[in-house]
Amino acid sequence: QIGVRLPIWSDEKTNLDWMPDFALPSSILDYNGGMAAAAIAGYRAAPTRENLTRAVSAIRSAANTAANPAAPCLLDDPGRAKYRECFEVRRWASTLVTVYMLRNGMSQNLGGDTHDIWWDVGQAARKSRADASIPIANPVENWAAWMFLGWSFDPSRHSTSYTGEGFSKLGLPRQATFIALRSQVARPKNSASIYEDYVNAVRFAPASWTLPVATFALRHISERLAAGDRPSVASIVTAITQLYSGLSTANNKLPIADRGKLDALVAQLVAALGK
């Protein structure tokens, strides 16, 4: 159980549901010779997992590529981004995935190419806060709920700065902290993201949780290093910087009596990374 409501199937009064408010626009369906339209038709004719992945990928490509003059999901380009349209396109593709899973009684991970479209809906909601002209309703609620949906199928894929921050902004710091620590232990071998997860866990943690949360995250890093699990040489300087950043954040949140309790552990990790 989590402290935000995940999207329900259909709610005519809000956008906190799976059902998109608009059909896919021609800018998606017709781009690149109708690639998305053909892929969707192929899936409907033969609703296999492979055809589902092909349809979702075609929709994502048409929505995200700068080569499409009407692409709505260029979210890092405020001059071209169409936040509400992107939100609806991604919800449409997300529902396609969900219908497939429901029809086949599936609950397993279908792979990042498919489940990331759920996370992407949350990203569209998050970025939409920059749009003062046609804002998306409930942007933070949609941000947290949709990112959690995508994250829950593979906690190792995305930065916890995004998923956790949504929960933090809704006043749910403990769940934001859990997301950061759960991601940390799910990361693949030699991942540099475990150091960012440590920073985020300490940043999100309620003050009373700070010491045990930081200790858990640092010990996890220590265990990985002891097992030969190291970031790339190019990432070591960043990892060391993040160790000190998390320590500084922790000490600022800890009671005076507890400050310094993490110093030795951080020093050991920095020394181990420097070897």
C-alpha atoms as a PDB file:
ATOM      1  CA  GLN A   1       0.000   0.000   0.000  1.00  0.00           C
ATOM      2  CA  ILE A   2       1.145   3.522  -0.763  1.00  0.00           C
ATOM      3  CA  GLY A   3      -0.111   6.941   0.237  1.00  0.00           C
ATOM      4  CA  VAL A   4      -1.194   8.082  -3.224  1.00  0.00           C
ATOM      5  CA  ARG A   5      -4.130   6.807  -5.210  1.00  0.00           C
ATOM      6  CA  LEU A   6      -3.026   4.985  -8.309  1.00  0.00           C
ATOM      7  CA  PRO A   7      -5.080   5.721 -11.425  1.00  0.00           C
ATOM      8  CA  ILE A   8      -8.498   4.099 -11.484  1.00  0.00           C
ATOM      9  CA  TRP A   9      -9.841   2.783 -14.773  1.00  0.00           C
ATOM     10  CA  SER A  10     -12.173   5.657 -15.621  1.00  0.00           C
ATOM     11  CA  ASP A  11     -13.109   8.872 -13.859  1.00  0.00           C
ATOM     12  CA  GLU A  12     -15.087  11.348 -15.944  1.00  0.00           C
ATOM     13  CA  LYS A  13     -14.464  14.226 -13.521  1.00  0.00           C
ATOM     14  CA  THR A  14     -10.661  14.153 -13.219  1.00  0.00           C
ATOM     15  CA  ASN A  15      -7.561  13.074 -15.109  1.00  0.00           C
ATOM     16  CA  LEU A  16      -6.534  10.683 -12.335  1.00  0.00           C
ATOM     17  CA  ASP A  17      -7.511   7.668 -14.413  1.00  0.00           C
ATOM     18  CA  TRP A  18      -6.229   5.420 -17.183  1.00  0.00           C
ATOM     19  CA  MET A  19      -8.640   6.607 -19.877  1.00  0.00           C
ATOM     20  CA  PRO A  20      -7.105   9.372 -22.015  1.00  0.00           C
ATOM     21  CA  ASP A  21      -9.372  12.303 -22.790  1.00  0.00           C
ATOM     22  CA  PHE A  22      -8.419  12.393 -26.486  1.00  0.00           C
ATOM     23  CA  ALA A  23      -7.680   9.938 -29.273  1.00  0.00           C
ATOM     24  CA  LEU A  24      -4.194   9.741 -30.742  1.00  0.00           C
ATOM     25  CA  PRO A  25      -3.672  12.789 -32.975  1.00  0.00           C
ATOM     26  CA  SER A  26      -2.696  12.614 -36.624  1.00  0.00           C
ATOM     27  CA  SER A  27       0.737  13.986 -35.684  1.00  0.00           C
ATOM     28  CA  ILE A  28       1.390  10.588 -34.095  1.00  0.00           C
ATOM     29  CA  LEU A  29      -0.539   8.285 -36.381  1.00  0.00           C
ATOM     30  CA  ASP A  30       0.623   9.741 -39.703  1.00  0.00           C
ATOM     31  CA  TYR A  31       4.283  10.458 -38.942  1.00  0.00           C
ATOM     32  CA  ASN A  32       6.908   8.575 -40.940  1.00  0.00           C
ATOM     33  CA  GLY A  33       4.494   7.093 -43.412  1.00  0.00           C
ATOM     34  CA  GLY A  34       1.937   6.139 -40.814  1.00  0.00           C
ATOM     35  CA  MET A  35       4.343   3.941 -38.848  1.00  0.00           C
ATOM     36  CA  ALA A  36       2.384   4.182 -35.578  1.00  0.00           C
ATOM     37  CA  ALA A  37      -0.971   3.638 -37.253  1.00  0.00           C
ATOM     38  CA  ALA A  38       0.348   0.537 -39.008  1.00  0.00           C
ATOM     39  CA  ALA A  39       1.902  -0.827 -35.806  1.00  0.00           C
ATOM     40  CA  ILE A  40      -1.343  -0.334 -33.875  1.00  0.00           C
ATOM     41  CA  ALA A  41      -3.313  -2.028 -36.648  1.00  0.00           C
ATOM     42  CA  GLY A  42      -0.825  -4.889 -36.594  1.00  0.00           C
ATOM     43  CA  TYR A  43      -1.276  -5.289 -32.858  1.00  0.00           C
ATOM     44  CA  ARG A  44      -5.067  -5.271 -33.131  1.00  0.00           C
ATOM     45  CA  ALA A  45      -4.927  -7.920 -35.847  1.00  0.00           C
ATOM     46  CA  ALA A  46      -2.534 -10.080 -33.830  1.00  0.00           C
ATOM     47  CA  PRO A  47      -2.340  -8.900 -30.176  1.00  0.00           C
ATOM     48  CA  THR A  48       0.994 -10.518 -29.321  1.00  0.00           C
ATOM     49  CA  ARG A  49       3.601  -9.222 -26.913  1.00  0.00           C
ATOM     50  CA  GLU A  50       5.946  -8.499 -29.814  1.00  0.00           C
ATOM     51  CA  ASN A  51       3.305  -6.479 -31.653  1.00  0.00           C
ATOM     52  CA  LEU A  52       2.448  -4.606 -28.453  1.00  0.00           C
ATOM     53  CA  THR A  53       6.087  -3.612 -28.021  1.00  0.00           C
ATOM     54  CA  ARG A  54       6.235  -2.571 -31.672  1.00  0.00           C
ATOM     55  CA  ALA A  55       3.125  -0.386 -31.307  1.00  0.00           C
ATOM     56  CA  VAL A  56       4.301   1.301 -28.108  1.00  0.00           C
ATOM     57  CA  SER A  57       7.741   1.930 -29.605  1.00  0.00           C
ATOM     58  CA  ALA A  58       6.201   3.471 -32.730  1.00  0.00           C
ATOM     59  CA  ILE A  59       3.998   5.792 -30.669  1.00  0.00           C
ATOM     60  CA  ARG A  60       6.947   6.802 -28.492  1.00  0.00           C
ATOM     61  CA  SER A  61       9.127   7.427 -31.540  1.00  0.00           C
ATOM     62  CA  ALA A  62       6.554   9.659 -33.212  1.00  0.00           C
ATOM     63  CA  ALA A  63       5.936  11.593 -29.993  1.00  0.00           C
ATOM     64  CA  ASN A  64       9.568  12.047 -28.956  1.00  0.00           C
ATOM     65  CA  THR A  65      11.576  12.609 -32.113  1.00  0.00           C
ATOM     66  CA  ALA A  66      12.654  16.122 -33.044  1.00  0.00           C
ATOM     67  CA  ALA A  67      12.359  15.105 -36.705  1.00  0.00           C
ATOM     68  CA  ASN A  68       8.577  15.137 -36.315  1.00  0.00           C
ATOM     69  CA  PRO A  69       7.596  18.823 -36.566  1.00  0.00           C
ATOM     70  CA  ALA A  70       4.436  18.140 -34.529  1.00  0.00           C
ATOM     71  CA  ALA A  71       5.993  15.869 -31.885  1.00  0.00           C
ATOM     72  CA  PRO A  72       4.387  16.804 -28.541  1.00  0.00           C
ATOM     73  CA  CYS A  73       6.857  15.172 -26.152  1.00  0.00           C
ATOM     74  CA  LEU A  74      10.013  17.228 -26.668  1.00  0.00           C
ATOM     75  CA  LEU A  75       9.799  18.037 -22.974  1.00  0.00           C
ATOM     76  CA  ASP A  76      13.277  19.550 -22.710  1.00  0.00           C
ATOM     77  CA  ASP A  77      12.424  22.089 -25.410  1.00  0.00           C
ATOM     78  CA  PRO A  78       9.826  24.479 -23.928  1.00  0.00           C
ATOM     79  CA  GLY A  79       9.349  26.114 -27.309  1.00  0.00           C
ATOM     80  CA  ARG A  80       8.131  22.850 -28.861  1.00  0.00           C
ATOM     81  CA  ALA A  81       6.767  20.868 -25.932  1.00  0.00           C
ATOM     82  CA  LYS A  82       3.004  20.318 -25.843  1.00  0.00           C
ATOM     83  CA  TYR A  83       2.649  19.038 -22.319  1.00  0.00           C
ATOM     84  CA  ARG A  84      -1.049  18.226 -22.238  1.00  0.00           C
ATOM     85  CA  GLU A  85      -0.990  16.496 -25.630  1.00  0.00           C
ATOM     86  CA  CYS A  86       2.082  14.502 -24.574  1.00  0.00           C
ATOM     87  CA  PHE A  87       0.342  13.490 -21.353  1.00  0.00           C
ATOM     88  CA  GLU A  88      -2.661  12.220 -23.312  1.00  0.00           C
ATOM     89  CA  VAL A  89      -0.587  10.382 -25.930  1.00  0.00           C
ATOM     90  CA  ARG A  90       1.367   8.599 -23.234  1.00  0.00           C
ATOM     91  CA  ARG A  91      -1.799   7.726 -21.307  1.00  0.00           C
ATOM     92  CA  TRP A  92      -3.253   6.252 -24.497  1.00  0.00           C
ATOM     93  CA  ALA A  93      -0.197   4.014 -24.978  1.00  0.00           C
ATOM     94  CA  SER A  94      -0.195   3.106 -21.280  1.00  0.00           C
ATOM     95  CA  THR A  95      -3.784   1.930 -21.493  1.00  0.00           C
ATOM     96  CA  LEU A  96      -2.916  -0.211 -24.513  1.00  0.00           C
ATOM     97  CA  VAL A  97      -0.288  -1.980 -22.386  1.00  0.00           C
ATOM     98  CA  THR A  98      -2.672  -2.433 -19.478  1.00  0.00           C
ATOM     99  CA  VAL A  99      -5.459  -3.879 -21.617  1.00  0.00           C
ATOM    100  CA  TYR A 100      -2.983  -6.427 -22.974  1.00  0.00           C
ATOM    101  CA  MET A 101      -1.951  -7.425 -19.451  1.00  0.00           C
ATOM    102  CA  LEU A 102      -5.539  -7.686 -18.219  1.00  0.00           C
ATOM    103  CA  ARG A 103      -6.631  -9.777 -21.189  1.00  0.00           C
ATOM    104  CA  ASN A 104      -3.772 -12.193 -20.618  1.00  0.00           C
ATOM    105  CA  GLY A 105      -3.908 -12.252 -16.809  1.00  0.00           C
ATOM    106  CA  MET A 106      -0.324 -10.986 -16.604  1.00  0.00           C
ATOM    107  CA  SER A 107       1.472  -9.243 -13.761  1.00  0.00           C
ATOM    108  CA  GLN A 108       5.123  -9.759 -14.681  1.00  0.00           C
ATOM    109  CA  ASN A 109       7.537  -7.185 -16.047  1.00  0.00           C
ATOM    110  CA  LEU A 110       7.152  -6.909 -19.824  1.00  0.00           C
ATOM    111  CA  GLY A 111      10.413  -5.002 -20.181  1.00  0.00           C
ATOM    112  CA  GLY A 112      11.450  -1.378 -19.988  1.00  0.00           C
ATOM    113  CA  ASP A 113      10.444  -0.608 -23.577  1.00  0.00           C
ATOM    114  CA  THR A 114       6.857  -1.304 -22.547  1.00  0.00           C
ATOM    115  CA  HIS A 115       6.533  -0.329 -18.890  1.00  0.00           C
ATOM    116  CA  ASP A 116       8.540   2.849 -19.258  1.00  0.00           C
ATOM    117  CA  ILE A 117       5.560   4.402 -21.019  1.00  0.00           C
ATOM    118  CA  TRP A 118       3.812   4.449 -17.616  1.00  0.00           C
ATOM    119  CA  TRP A 119       6.771   6.228 -16.040  1.00  0.00           C
ATOM    120  CA  ASP A 120       6.753   8.602 -19.012  1.00  0.00           C
ATOM    121  CA  VAL A 121       3.183   9.726 -18.226  1.00  0.00           C
ATOM    122  CA  GLY A 122       4.446  10.862 -14.837  1.00  0.00           C
ATOM    123  CA  GLN A 123       7.337  12.669 -16.486  1.00  0.00           C
ATOM    124  CA  ALA A 124       4.925  14.552 -18.743  1.00  0.00           C
ATOM    125  CA  ALA A 125       2.909  15.580 -15.675  1.00  0.00           C
ATOM    126  CA  ARG A 126       6.066  16.645 -13.838  1.00  0.00           C
ATOM    127  CA  LYS A 127       7.355  18.740 -16.712  1.00  0.00           C
ATOM    128  CA  SER A 128       3.910  20.252 -17.364  1.00  0.00           C
ATOM    129  CA  ARG A 129       4.269  22.435 -14.299  1.00  0.00           C
ATOM    130  CA  ALA A 130       6.387  24.722 -16.489  1.00  0.00           C
ATOM    131  CA  ASP A 131       3.372  25.396 -18.744  1.00  0.00           C
ATOM    132  CA  ALA A 132       1.362  28.366 -17.531  1.00  0.00           C
ATOM    133  CA  SER A 133      -0.939  28.444 -20.563  1.00  0.00           C
ATOM    134  CA  ILE A 134      -2.707  25.049 -20.552  1.00  0.00           C
ATOM    135  CA  PRO A 135      -1.737  23.340 -17.299  1.00  0.00           C
ATOM    136  CA  ILE A 136      -2.379  19.666 -16.683  1.00  0.00           C
ATOM    137  CA  ALA A 137      -4.703  19.181 -13.713  1.00  0.00           C
ATOM    138  CA  ASN A 138      -3.327  17.364 -10.670  1.00  0.00           C
ATOM    139  CA  PRO A 139       0.258  17.480 -11.933  1.00  0.00           C
ATOM    140  CA  VAL A 140       1.991  16.251  -8.768  1.00  0.00           C
ATOM    141  CA  GLU A 141      -0.555  13.514  -8.072  1.00  0.00           C
ATOM    142  CA  ASN A 142      -0.171  12.245 -11.635  1.00  0.00           C
ATOM    143  CA  TRP A 143       3.608  12.613 -11.433  1.00  0.00           C
ATOM    144  CA  ALA A 144       3.879  10.417  -8.338  1.00  0.00           C
ATOM    145  CA  ALA A 145       1.262   7.817  -9.282  1.00  0.00           C
ATOM    146  CA  TRP A 146       2.379   7.171 -12.850  1.00  0.00           C
ATOM    147  CA  MET A 147       6.084   7.160 -12.075  1.00  0.00           C
ATOM    148  CA  PHE A 148       5.430   4.697  -9.273  1.00  0.00           C
ATOM    149  CA  LEU A 149       3.564   2.413 -11.682  1.00  0.00           C
ATOM    150  CA  GLY A 150       6.524   2.276 -14.041  1.00  0.00           C
ATOM    151  CA  TRP A 151       9.081   2.173 -11.230  1.00  0.00           C
ATOM    152  CA  SER A 152       7.390  -0.716  -9.438  1.00  0.00           C
ATOM    153  CA  PHE A 153       8.049  -3.109 -12.328  1.00  0.00           C
ATOM    154  CA  ASP A 154      11.778  -2.335 -12.358  1.00  0.00           C
ATOM    155  CA  PRO A 155      13.183  -0.155  -9.536  1.00  0.00           C
ATOM    156  CA  SER A 156      16.640  -0.241 -11.124  1.00  0.00           C
ATOM    157  CA  ARG A 157      15.881   1.819 -14.240  1.00  0.00           C
ATOM    158  CA  HIS A 158      15.319   5.452 -13.273  1.00  0.00           C
ATOM    159  CA  SER A 159      16.820   8.160 -11.126  1.00  0.00           C
ATOM    160  CA  THR A 160      15.177   8.288  -7.706  1.00  0.00           C
ATOM    161  CA  SER A 161      15.449  12.075  -7.889  1.00  0.00           C
ATOM    162  CA  TYR A 162      12.349  11.967 -10.093  1.00  0.00           C
ATOM    163  CA  THR A 163      10.184   9.203  -8.637  1.00  0.00           C
ATOM    164  CA  GLY A 164      10.951   9.977  -5.004  1.00  0.00           C
ATOM    165  CA  GLU A 165      10.557  13.722  -5.402  1.00  0.00           C
ATOM    166  CA  GLY A 166       6.928  13.321  -6.431  1.00  0.00           C
ATOM    167  CA  PHE A 167       6.140  11.534  -3.165  1.00  0.00           C
ATOM    168  CA  SER A 168       8.154  14.067  -1.208  1.00  0.00           C
ATOM    169  CA  LYS A 169       6.156  16.942  -2.708  1.00  0.00           C
ATOM    170  CA  LEU A 170       2.939  15.218  -1.634  1.00  0.00           C
ATOM    171  CA  GLY A 171       4.170  15.151   1.972  1.00  0.00           C
ATOM    172  CA  LEU A 172       5.137  11.457   1.922  1.00  0.00           C
ATOM    173  CA  PRO A 173       8.836  11.515   2.843  1.00  0.00           C
ATOM    174  CA  ARG A 174       8.935   7.970   4.222  1.00  0.00           C
ATOM    175  CA  GLN A 175       7.694   6.513   0.943  1.00  0.00           C
ATOM    176  CA  ALA A 176      10.116   8.717  -0.984  1.00  0.00           C
ATOM    177  CA  THR A 177      12.896   7.327   1.213  1.00  0.00           C
ATOM    178  CA  PHE A 178      11.751   3.755   0.609  1.00  0.00           C
ATOM    179  CA  ILE A 179      11.836   4.340  -3.154  1.00  0.00           C
ATOM    180  CA  ALA A 180      15.434   5.566  -2.976  1.00  0.00           C
ATOM    181  CA  LEU A 181      16.625   2.615  -0.857  1.00  0.00           C
ATOM    182  CA  ARG A 182      14.634   0.043  -2.840  1.00  0.00           C
ATOM    183  CA  SER A 183      16.194   1.361  -6.041  1.00  0.00           C
ATOM    184  CA  GLN A 184      19.660   1.271  -4.525  1.00  0.00           C
ATOM    185  CA  VAL A 185      19.517  -2.429  -3.707  1.00  0.00           C
ATOM    186  CA  ALA A 186      17.983  -3.202  -7.129  1.00  0.00           C
ATOM    187  CA  ARG A 187      20.726  -1.536  -9.176  1.00  0.00           C
ATOM    188  CA  PRO A 188      22.835  -3.798 -11.379  1.00  0.00           C
ATOM    189  CA  LYS A 189      26.454  -4.580 -10.623  1.00  0.00           C
ATOM    190  CA  ASN A 190      28.905  -1.680 -10.995  1.00  0.00           C
ATOM    191  CA  SER A 191      26.096   0.882 -11.106  1.00  0.00           C
ATOM    192  CA  ALA A 192      27.097   4.423 -10.207  1.00  0.00           C
ATOM    193  CA  SER A 193      23.458   5.218  -9.385  1.00  0.00           C
ATOM    194  CA  ILE A 194      23.746   3.679  -5.912  1.00  0.00           C
ATOM    195  CA  TYR A 195      25.594   6.797  -4.763  1.00  0.00           C
ATOM    196  CA  GLU A 196      22.850   9.110  -6.019  1.00  0.00           C
ATOM    197  CA  ASP A 197      20.276   6.838  -4.352  1.00  0.00           C
ATOM    198  CA  TYR A 198      22.129   7.256  -1.046  1.00  0.00           C
ATOM    199  CA  VAL A 199      22.038  11.055  -1.428  1.00  0.00           C
ATOM    200  CA  ASN A 200      18.331  10.989  -2.239  1.00  0.00           C
ATOM    201  CA  ALA A 201      17.466   8.635   0.607  1.00  0.00           C
ATOM    202  CA  VAL A 202      19.154  10.971   3.094  1.00  0.00           C
ATOM    203  CA  ARG A 203      17.539  14.007   1.469  1.00  0.00           C
ATOM    204  CA  PHE A 204      14.031  12.533   1.578  1.00  0.00           C
ATOM    205  CA  ALA A 205      14.275  10.898   5.000  1.00  0.00           C
ATOM    206  CA  PRO A 206      12.377  12.364   7.951  1.00  0.00           C
ATOM    207  CA  ALA A 207      14.798  13.751  10.502  1.00  0.00           C
ATOM    208  CA  SER A 208      14.227  10.841  12.895  1.00  0.00           C
ATOM    209  CA  TRP A 209      15.071   8.360  10.136  1.00  0.00           C
ATOM    210  CA  THR A 210      18.228  10.079   8.932  1.00  0.00           C
ATOM    211  CA  LEU A 211      20.863   8.120  10.841  1.00  0.00           C
ATOM    212  CA  PRO A 212      19.510   4.596  10.181  1.00  0.00           C
ATOM    213  CA  VAL A 213      18.717   5.439   6.550  1.00  0.00           C
ATOM    214  CA  ALA A 214      22.194   6.838   5.884  1.00  0.00           C
ATOM    215  CA  THR A 215      23.797   3.919   7.714  1.00  0.00           C
ATOM    216  CA  PHE A 216      21.829   1.378   5.672  1.00  0.00           C
ATOM    217  CA  ALA A 217      22.696   3.058   2.365  1.00  0.00           C
ATOM    218  CA  LEU A 218      26.396   3.413   3.221  1.00  0.00           C
ATOM    219  CA  ARG A 219      26.667  -0.188   4.411  1.00  0.00           C
ATOM    220  CA  HIS A 220      25.059  -1.347   1.189  1.00  0.00           C
ATOM    221  CA  ILE A 221      27.712   0.552  -0.778  1.00  0.00           C
ATOM    222  CA  SER A 222      30.398  -0.938   1.454  1.00  0.00           C
ATOM    223  CA  GLU A 223      29.135  -4.475   0.811  1.00  0.00           C
ATOM    224  CA  ARG A 224      29.183  -3.884  -2.913  1.00  0.00           C
ATOM    225  CA  LEU A 225      32.711  -2.527  -2.854  1.00  0.00           C
ATOM    226  CA  ALA A 226      33.875  -5.472  -0.745  1.00  0.00           C
ATOM    227  CA  ALA A 227      32.409  -7.806  -3.369  1.00  0.00           C
ATOM    228  CA  GLY A 228      34.317  -6.056  -6.153  1.00  0.00           C
ATOM    229  CA  ASP A 229      31.320  -4.041  -7.329  1.00  0.00           C
ATOM    230  CA  ARG A 230      32.710  -0.649  -8.373  1.00  0.00           C
ATOM    231  CA  PRO A 231      31.616   2.245 -10.559  1.00  0.00           C
ATOM    232  CA  SER A 232      33.601   2.988 -13.694  1.00  0.00           C
ATOM    233  CA  VAL A 233      36.811   4.983 -13.364  1.00  0.00           C
ATOM    234  CA  ALA A 234      35.076   7.940 -14.998  1.00  0.00           C
ATOM    235  CA  SER A 235      32.356   7.868 -12.303  1.00  0.00           C
ATOM    236  CA  ILE A 236      34.570   7.628  -9.211  1.00  0.00           C
ATOM    237  CA  VAL A 237      35.017  11.366  -8.685  1.00  0.00           C
ATOM    238  CA  THR A 238      31.243  11.871  -8.884  1.00  0.00           C
ATOM    239  CA  ALA A 239      30.662   8.957  -6.491  1.00  0.00           C
ATOM    240  CA  ILE A 240      33.062  10.455  -3.930  1.00  0.00           C
ATOM    241  CA  THR A 241      31.419  13.849  -4.278  1.00  0.00           C
ATOM    242  CA  GLN A 242      28.027  12.245  -3.653  1.00  0.00           C
ATOM    243  CA  LEU A 243      29.323  10.454  -0.557  1.00  0.00           C
ATOM    244  CA  TYR A 244      30.372  13.773   0.931  1.00  0.00           C
ATOM    245  CA  SER A 245      27.162  15.483  -0.212  1.00  0.00           C
ATOM    246  CA  GLY A 246      25.027  12.872   1.535  1.00  0.00           C
ATOM    247  CA  LEU A 247      27.159  13.168   4.654  1.00  0.00           C
ATOM    248  CA  SER A 248      26.721  16.935   4.728  1.00  0.00           C
ATOM    249  CA  THR A 249      22.954  16.624   4.280  1.00  0.00           C
ATOM    250  CA  ALA A 250      22.754  13.992   7.002  1.00  0.00           C
ATOM    251  CA  ASN A 251      24.772  16.020   9.497  1.00  0.00           C
ATOM    252  CA  ASN A 252      22.566  19.053   8.880  1.00  0.00           C
ATOM    253  CA  LYS A 253      19.508  16.973   9.818  1.00  0.00           C
ATOM    254  CA  LEU A 254      20.980  15.063  12.760  1.00  0.00           C
ATOM    255  CA  PRO A 255      20.932  16.148  16.398  1.00  0.00           C
ATOM    256  CA  ILE A 256      24.259  17.529  17.568  1.00  0.00           C
ATOM    257  CA  ALA A 257      24.931  14.349  19.568  1.00  0.00           C
ATOM    258  CA  ASP A 258      24.680  12.195  16.424  1.00  0.00           C
ATOM    259  CA  ARG A 259      26.748  14.351  14.104  1.00  0.00           C
ATOM    260  CA  GLY A 260      29.993  12.686  13.198  1.00  0.00           C
ATOM    261  CA  LYS A 261      28.644   9.140  13.563  1.00  0.00           C
ATOM    262  CA  LEU A 262      28.804   8.618   9.822  1.00  0.00           C
ATOM    263  CA  ASP A 263      32.174  10.245   9.223  1.00  0.00           C
ATOM    264  CA  ALA A 264      34.287   7.113   9.631  1.00  0.00           C
ATOM    265  CA  LEU A 265      32.113   5.023   7.346  1.00  0.00           C
ATOM    266  CA  VAL A 266      32.195   7.662   4.607  1.00  0.00           C
ATOM    267  CA  ALA A 267      35.976   7.980   4.991  1.00  0.00           C
ATOM    268  CA  GLN A 268      36.360   4.212   4.547  1.00  0.00           C
ATOM    269  CA  LEU A 269      34.291   4.258   1.386  1.00  0.00           C
ATOM    270  CA  VAL A 270      36.190   7.194  -0.064  1.00  0.00           C
ATOM    271  CA  ALA A 271      39.451   5.410   0.637  1.00  0.00           C
ATOM    272  CA  ALA A 272      38.158   2.219  -0.974  1.00  0.00           C
ATOM    273  CA  LEU A 273      37.058   4.098  -4.085  1.00  0.00           C
ATOM    274  CA  GLY A 274      40.427   5.792  -4.339  1.00  0.00           C
ATOM    275  CA  LYS A 275      42.338   2.517  -4.516  1.00  0.00           C
END
